[in-house]
Amino acid sequence: MIELTTQIRQLEEAGMTALPALSTLYCDGWVLRFAGGHTNRANSVNPLYPSHLPLDEKIARCEALYRAQNLPVVFKMTQAAIPGELDARLTQRGYEALPPTSVQVADFRQLDLPESASVTLRETCSAEWLDAYARMNEVPSHRRDLLGSMLAALITPAAYASIEQNGEMIAVGLAVESHGFVGLFDIVTVAHARRRGFGRNIVASLLRWGQQHGGQQAYLQVVAANTPAVQLYANLGFHELYHYWYRRKV
């Protein structure tokens, strides 16, 4: 059985592949991602691999690089972060911890997926899908363009799901396959259409797509305090493998 730290690194790598940053730097075992400030996920330090430089020296290098881009300094932390004392050191240096996110996984062989004929799947990102996603999440126009550039950089198979009513997209979602892992992202329903099963239909359609494209394990990220979403995913067969949190310089 693969140990947990290895599983965490595999999923963190899959997640970075699924949502490419606009620029990526490597600093002595750490992966530094930059995307103009759109999401912490794409604008953070990922301490995934063994390193050799003195810890404070390396943290200072990262701080200088993000400040040069006029970006906040953010570290994405998991229990597999290297070195193990990094979280405590960041606290000492004035970094606050943001609320945790749960990383949930499911084995495709154990999924019970409902039919969802109302969902449209496309393997390229249309302007309409991007506009609908930005509208539902109140994404500013300049960040909408950043997201479009990030999605355009995808080189692994992806599926963009949507549900329309009366000519309007009311729910969207994204799946990306990478080395047998299928990640679900950006599952959102317009406010007036929530609690009607559209999100479940989007997720089920994306998971079926993942099965057809060789997926062995599905994963997603959900804010741990979002009880309705956690319950939705549990009903579909997901369970928590680990959680991550961000450390942000105050």
Protein backbone atom coordinates (compact mmCIF):
# COMPACT_ATOMS: atom_id res chain seq x y z
CA MET A 1 0.00 0.00 0.00
CA ILE A 2 1.31 3.45 -0.92
CA GLU A 3 2.12 5.48 2.18
CA LEU A 4 0.12 8.64 2.81
CA THR A 5 2.93 11.12 2.16
CA THR A 6 3.48 9.60 -1.30
CA GLN A 7 -0.26 9.75 -2.04
CA ILE A 8 -0.34 13.40 -1.01
CA ARG A 9 2.56 14.30 -3.29
CA GLN A 10 0.98 12.41 -6.20
CA LEU A 11 -2.29 14.31 -5.80
CA GLU A 12 -0.55 17.65 -5.30
CA GLU A 13 1.38 17.05 -8.53
CA ALA A 14 -1.84 16.07 -10.33
CA GLY A 15 -3.53 19.22 -9.06
CA MET A 16 -0.74 21.46 -10.30
CA THR A 17 -0.86 19.76 -13.70
CA ALA A 18 -4.63 20.16 -13.86
CA LEU A 19 -4.57 23.91 -13.21
CA PRO A 20 -1.32 25.27 -14.68
CA ALA A 21 0.14 28.48 -13.36
CA LEU A 22 1.28 31.07 -15.88
CA SER A 23 4.86 30.76 -14.60
CA THR A 24 6.57 28.14 -12.46
CA LEU A 25 9.95 28.30 -10.72
CA TYR A 26 11.80 25.58 -8.84
CA CYS A 27 13.77 26.47 -5.73
CA ASP A 28 15.69 23.67 -4.04
CA GLY A 29 12.80 21.19 -3.93
CA TRP A 30 10.00 23.76 -3.69
CA VAL A 31 7.64 24.57 -6.56
CA LEU A 32 6.78 28.28 -6.87
CA ARG A 33 3.70 29.11 -8.94
CA PHE A 34 2.68 32.51 -10.31
CA ALA A 35 -0.56 33.48 -12.07
CA GLY A 36 -1.14 37.17 -11.55
CA GLY A 37 -2.89 36.65 -8.22
CA HIS A 38 -5.79 34.49 -9.47
CA THR A 39 -6.33 31.97 -6.65
CA ASN A 40 -3.93 31.01 -3.90
CA ARG A 41 -3.63 27.61 -5.56
CA ALA A 42 -1.88 29.08 -8.60
CA ASN A 43 0.10 31.71 -6.66
CA SER A 44 1.85 29.87 -3.86
CA VAL A 45 4.93 27.99 -2.75
CA ASN A 46 4.51 24.21 -2.76
CA PRO A 47 7.12 22.57 -0.49
CA LEU A 48 6.89 19.08 -1.94
CA TYR A 49 10.42 17.67 -2.15
CA PRO A 50 13.59 17.38 -0.05
CA SER A 51 15.79 20.47 0.05
CA HIS A 52 19.25 21.45 1.20
CA LEU A 53 19.44 25.22 1.68
CA PRO A 54 19.03 26.72 5.17
CA LEU A 55 15.31 27.11 5.82
CA ASP A 56 15.22 30.82 6.64
CA GLU A 57 17.37 31.60 3.61
CA LYS A 58 15.01 29.75 1.31
CA ILE A 59 11.88 31.33 2.78
CA ALA A 60 13.48 34.75 2.28
CA ARG A 61 14.21 33.92 -1.38
CA CYS A 62 10.57 33.00 -1.92
CA GLU A 63 9.37 36.17 -0.23
CA ALA A 64 11.56 38.28 -2.49
CA LEU A 65 10.32 36.54 -5.64
CA TYR A 66 6.63 37.04 -4.84
CA ARG A 67 7.09 40.62 -3.72
CA ALA A 68 8.89 41.37 -6.98
CA GLN A 69 5.66 40.30 -8.73
CA ASN A 70 3.53 42.41 -6.36
CA LEU A 71 1.92 39.24 -5.04
CA PRO A 72 1.25 38.18 -1.44
CA VAL A 73 3.59 35.50 -0.11
CA VAL A 74 1.59 32.30 0.33
CA PHE A 75 2.68 28.75 1.17
CA LYS A 76 0.44 25.75 0.46
CA MET A 77 0.86 23.39 3.39
CA THR A 78 0.09 19.69 3.86
CA GLN A 79 1.26 17.13 6.39
CA ALA A 80 3.74 15.99 3.73
CA ALA A 81 5.41 19.42 3.46
CA ILE A 82 9.20 19.34 3.56
CA PRO A 83 10.86 20.12 5.91
CA GLY A 84 8.55 19.08 8.72
CA GLU A 85 9.29 22.18 10.80
CA LEU A 86 8.25 24.57 8.00
CA ASP A 87 4.75 25.30 9.34
CA ALA A 88 6.08 26.26 12.76
CA ARG A 89 8.79 28.42 11.21
CA LEU A 90 6.26 30.27 9.06
CA THR A 91 4.22 30.99 12.19
CA GLN A 92 7.33 32.45 13.81
CA ARG A 93 7.85 34.64 10.74
CA GLY A 94 4.37 36.13 10.94
CA TYR A 95 2.35 33.93 8.57
CA GLU A 96 -1.33 33.38 9.35
CA ALA A 97 -3.11 30.09 8.66
CA LEU A 98 -6.17 30.23 6.40
CA PRO A 99 -9.13 27.82 6.85
CA PRO A 100 -8.34 24.25 5.74
CA THR A 101 -9.50 22.59 2.53
CA SER A 102 -10.38 18.91 2.42
CA VAL A 103 -8.92 16.79 -0.39
CA GLN A 104 -11.42 14.03 -1.11
CA VAL A 105 -10.81 10.90 -3.17
CA ALA A 106 -12.90 8.09 -4.65
CA ASP A 107 -12.06 4.84 -6.41
CA PHE A 108 -13.79 4.74 -9.79
CA ARG A 109 -14.60 1.05 -9.26
CA GLN A 110 -16.74 1.94 -6.24
CA LEU A 111 -18.66 4.90 -7.64
CA ASP A 112 -22.43 4.78 -8.13
CA LEU A 113 -23.13 7.45 -10.74
CA PRO A 114 -26.68 8.64 -11.52
CA GLU A 115 -27.73 9.40 -15.07
CA SER A 116 -27.57 13.09 -16.02
CA ALA A 117 -28.80 13.59 -19.56
CA SER A 118 -29.16 17.35 -19.11
CA VAL A 119 -25.39 17.92 -18.93
CA THR A 120 -23.38 19.08 -21.94
CA LEU A 121 -19.70 18.05 -22.06
CA ARG A 122 -17.05 19.64 -24.25
CA GLU A 123 -13.32 18.97 -24.28
CA THR A 124 -12.36 22.58 -25.00
CA CYS A 125 -13.13 25.69 -22.99
CA SER A 126 -15.66 27.92 -24.74
CA ALA A 127 -16.02 31.63 -24.12
CA GLU A 128 -19.57 30.92 -22.92
CA TRP A 129 -18.36 28.43 -20.29
CA LEU A 130 -15.69 30.82 -19.07
CA ASP A 131 -18.15 33.73 -18.93
CA ALA A 132 -20.67 31.63 -16.98
CA TYR A 133 -18.05 30.48 -14.49
CA ALA A 134 -16.79 34.03 -13.99
CA ARG A 135 -20.33 35.35 -13.54
CA MET A 136 -21.32 32.73 -10.96
CA ASN A 137 -18.14 33.32 -8.94
CA GLU A 138 -18.08 37.11 -9.37
CA VAL A 139 -14.63 36.91 -10.94
CA PRO A 140 -13.39 40.36 -12.10
CA SER A 141 -12.82 40.74 -15.83
CA HIS A 142 -9.01 40.88 -15.61
CA ARG A 143 -8.95 37.68 -13.56
CA ARG A 144 -11.37 36.04 -15.97
CA ASP A 145 -8.73 36.58 -18.66
CA LEU A 146 -6.05 35.12 -16.37
CA LEU A 147 -8.18 32.03 -15.82
CA GLY A 148 -8.69 31.70 -19.57
CA SER A 149 -4.93 31.79 -20.10
CA MET A 150 -4.40 29.14 -17.42
CA LEU A 151 -6.98 26.80 -18.94
CA ALA A 152 -5.51 27.37 -22.40
CA ALA A 153 -2.20 26.05 -21.04
CA LEU A 154 -3.70 22.64 -20.22
CA ILE A 155 -2.04 19.82 -22.17
CA THR A 156 -3.81 16.88 -20.48
CA PRO A 157 -7.37 15.75 -21.34
CA ALA A 158 -10.10 17.96 -19.88
CA ALA A 159 -13.90 18.12 -19.93
CA TYR A 160 -15.99 21.26 -19.44
CA ALA A 161 -19.51 20.48 -18.21
CA SER A 162 -22.53 22.76 -18.26
CA ILE A 163 -26.30 22.73 -17.74
CA GLU A 164 -28.48 25.25 -19.54
CA GLN A 165 -32.00 26.49 -18.88
CA ASN A 166 -33.77 29.01 -21.07
CA GLY A 167 -30.55 29.76 -22.92
CA GLU A 168 -28.55 30.44 -19.73
CA MET A 169 -25.79 28.29 -18.25
CA ILE A 170 -26.88 27.66 -14.67
CA ALA A 171 -24.22 25.14 -13.58
CA VAL A 172 -20.67 24.37 -14.72
CA GLY A 173 -17.74 22.16 -13.78
CA LEU A 174 -14.33 21.00 -14.98
CA ALA A 175 -12.56 17.63 -14.95
CA VAL A 176 -8.90 17.04 -15.82
CA GLU A 177 -7.22 13.64 -16.23
CA SER A 178 -3.53 13.14 -15.46
CA HIS A 179 -1.76 9.76 -15.09
CA GLY A 180 -4.91 7.98 -13.91
CA PHE A 181 -6.02 10.75 -11.55
CA VAL A 182 -9.15 12.71 -12.48
CA GLY A 183 -9.54 16.02 -10.69
CA LEU A 184 -12.86 17.86 -10.39
CA PHE A 185 -12.70 21.64 -10.21
CA ASP A 186 -14.89 24.73 -10.35
CA ILE A 187 -18.20 22.96 -9.66
CA VAL A 188 -20.66 25.82 -9.26
CA THR A 189 -24.38 26.47 -9.69
CA VAL A 190 -26.00 29.86 -10.11
CA ALA A 191 -27.59 31.03 -6.83
CA HIS A 192 -31.24 30.79 -7.91
CA ALA A 193 -30.84 27.17 -9.10
CA ARG A 194 -29.09 25.64 -6.10
CA ARG A 195 -30.39 22.66 -4.08
CA ARG A 196 -32.02 21.15 -7.16
CA GLY A 197 -29.45 18.47 -8.00
CA PHE A 198 -27.63 20.31 -10.78
CA GLY A 199 -24.27 20.14 -9.02
CA ARG A 200 -24.68 16.40 -8.50
CA ASN A 201 -25.49 15.95 -12.19
CA ILE A 202 -22.41 17.94 -13.22
CA VAL A 203 -20.18 15.85 -10.94
CA ALA A 204 -21.66 12.55 -12.13
CA SER A 205 -21.18 13.46 -15.80
CA LEU A 206 -17.58 14.50 -15.23
CA LEU A 207 -16.86 11.29 -13.34
CA ARG A 208 -18.29 9.18 -16.15
CA TRP A 209 -16.06 11.09 -18.56
CA GLY A 210 -13.12 10.33 -16.28
CA GLN A 211 -13.93 6.62 -16.30
CA GLN A 212 -14.00 6.64 -20.09
CA HIS A 213 -10.59 8.34 -20.19
CA GLY A 214 -8.75 5.81 -18.05
CA GLY A 215 -9.30 7.33 -14.64
CA GLN A 216 -8.48 5.11 -11.66
CA GLN A 217 -8.96 7.58 -8.82
CA ALA A 218 -11.03 10.75 -8.67
CA TYR A 219 -10.16 13.66 -6.41
CA LEU A 220 -11.54 17.07 -5.56
CA GLN A 221 -10.96 19.90 -3.14
CA VAL A 222 -13.70 21.32 -0.94
CA VAL A 223 -13.61 23.82 1.91
CA ALA A 224 -13.88 21.69 5.03
CA ALA A 225 -16.57 23.95 6.53
CA ASN A 226 -18.83 23.63 3.45
CA THR A 227 -21.04 20.92 4.96
CA PRO A 228 -23.57 20.62 2.08
CA ALA A 229 -20.79 20.10 -0.48
CA VAL A 230 -18.96 17.60 1.74
CA GLN A 231 -22.21 15.64 2.13
CA LEU A 232 -22.87 15.71 -1.63
CA TYR A 233 -19.46 14.22 -2.35
CA ALA A 234 -19.81 11.66 0.45
CA ASN A 235 -23.07 10.46 -1.09
CA LEU A 236 -21.21 9.90 -4.37
CA GLY A 237 -18.51 7.82 -2.70
CA PHE A 238 -15.80 10.36 -1.80
CA HIS A 239 -13.90 10.44 1.48
CA GLU A 240 -11.17 12.67 2.87
CA LEU A 241 -7.58 11.60 2.30
CA TYR A 242 -5.89 14.70 3.73
CA HIS A 243 -6.35 18.42 4.03
CA TYR A 244 -4.25 21.43 3.13
CA TRP A 245 -4.11 24.98 4.39
CA TYR A 246 -2.43 28.15 3.25
CA ARG A 247 0.05 30.18 5.26
CA ARG A 248 -0.05 33.83 4.21
CA LYS A 249 2.39 36.54 5.24
CA VAL A 250 0.61 39.15 7.35
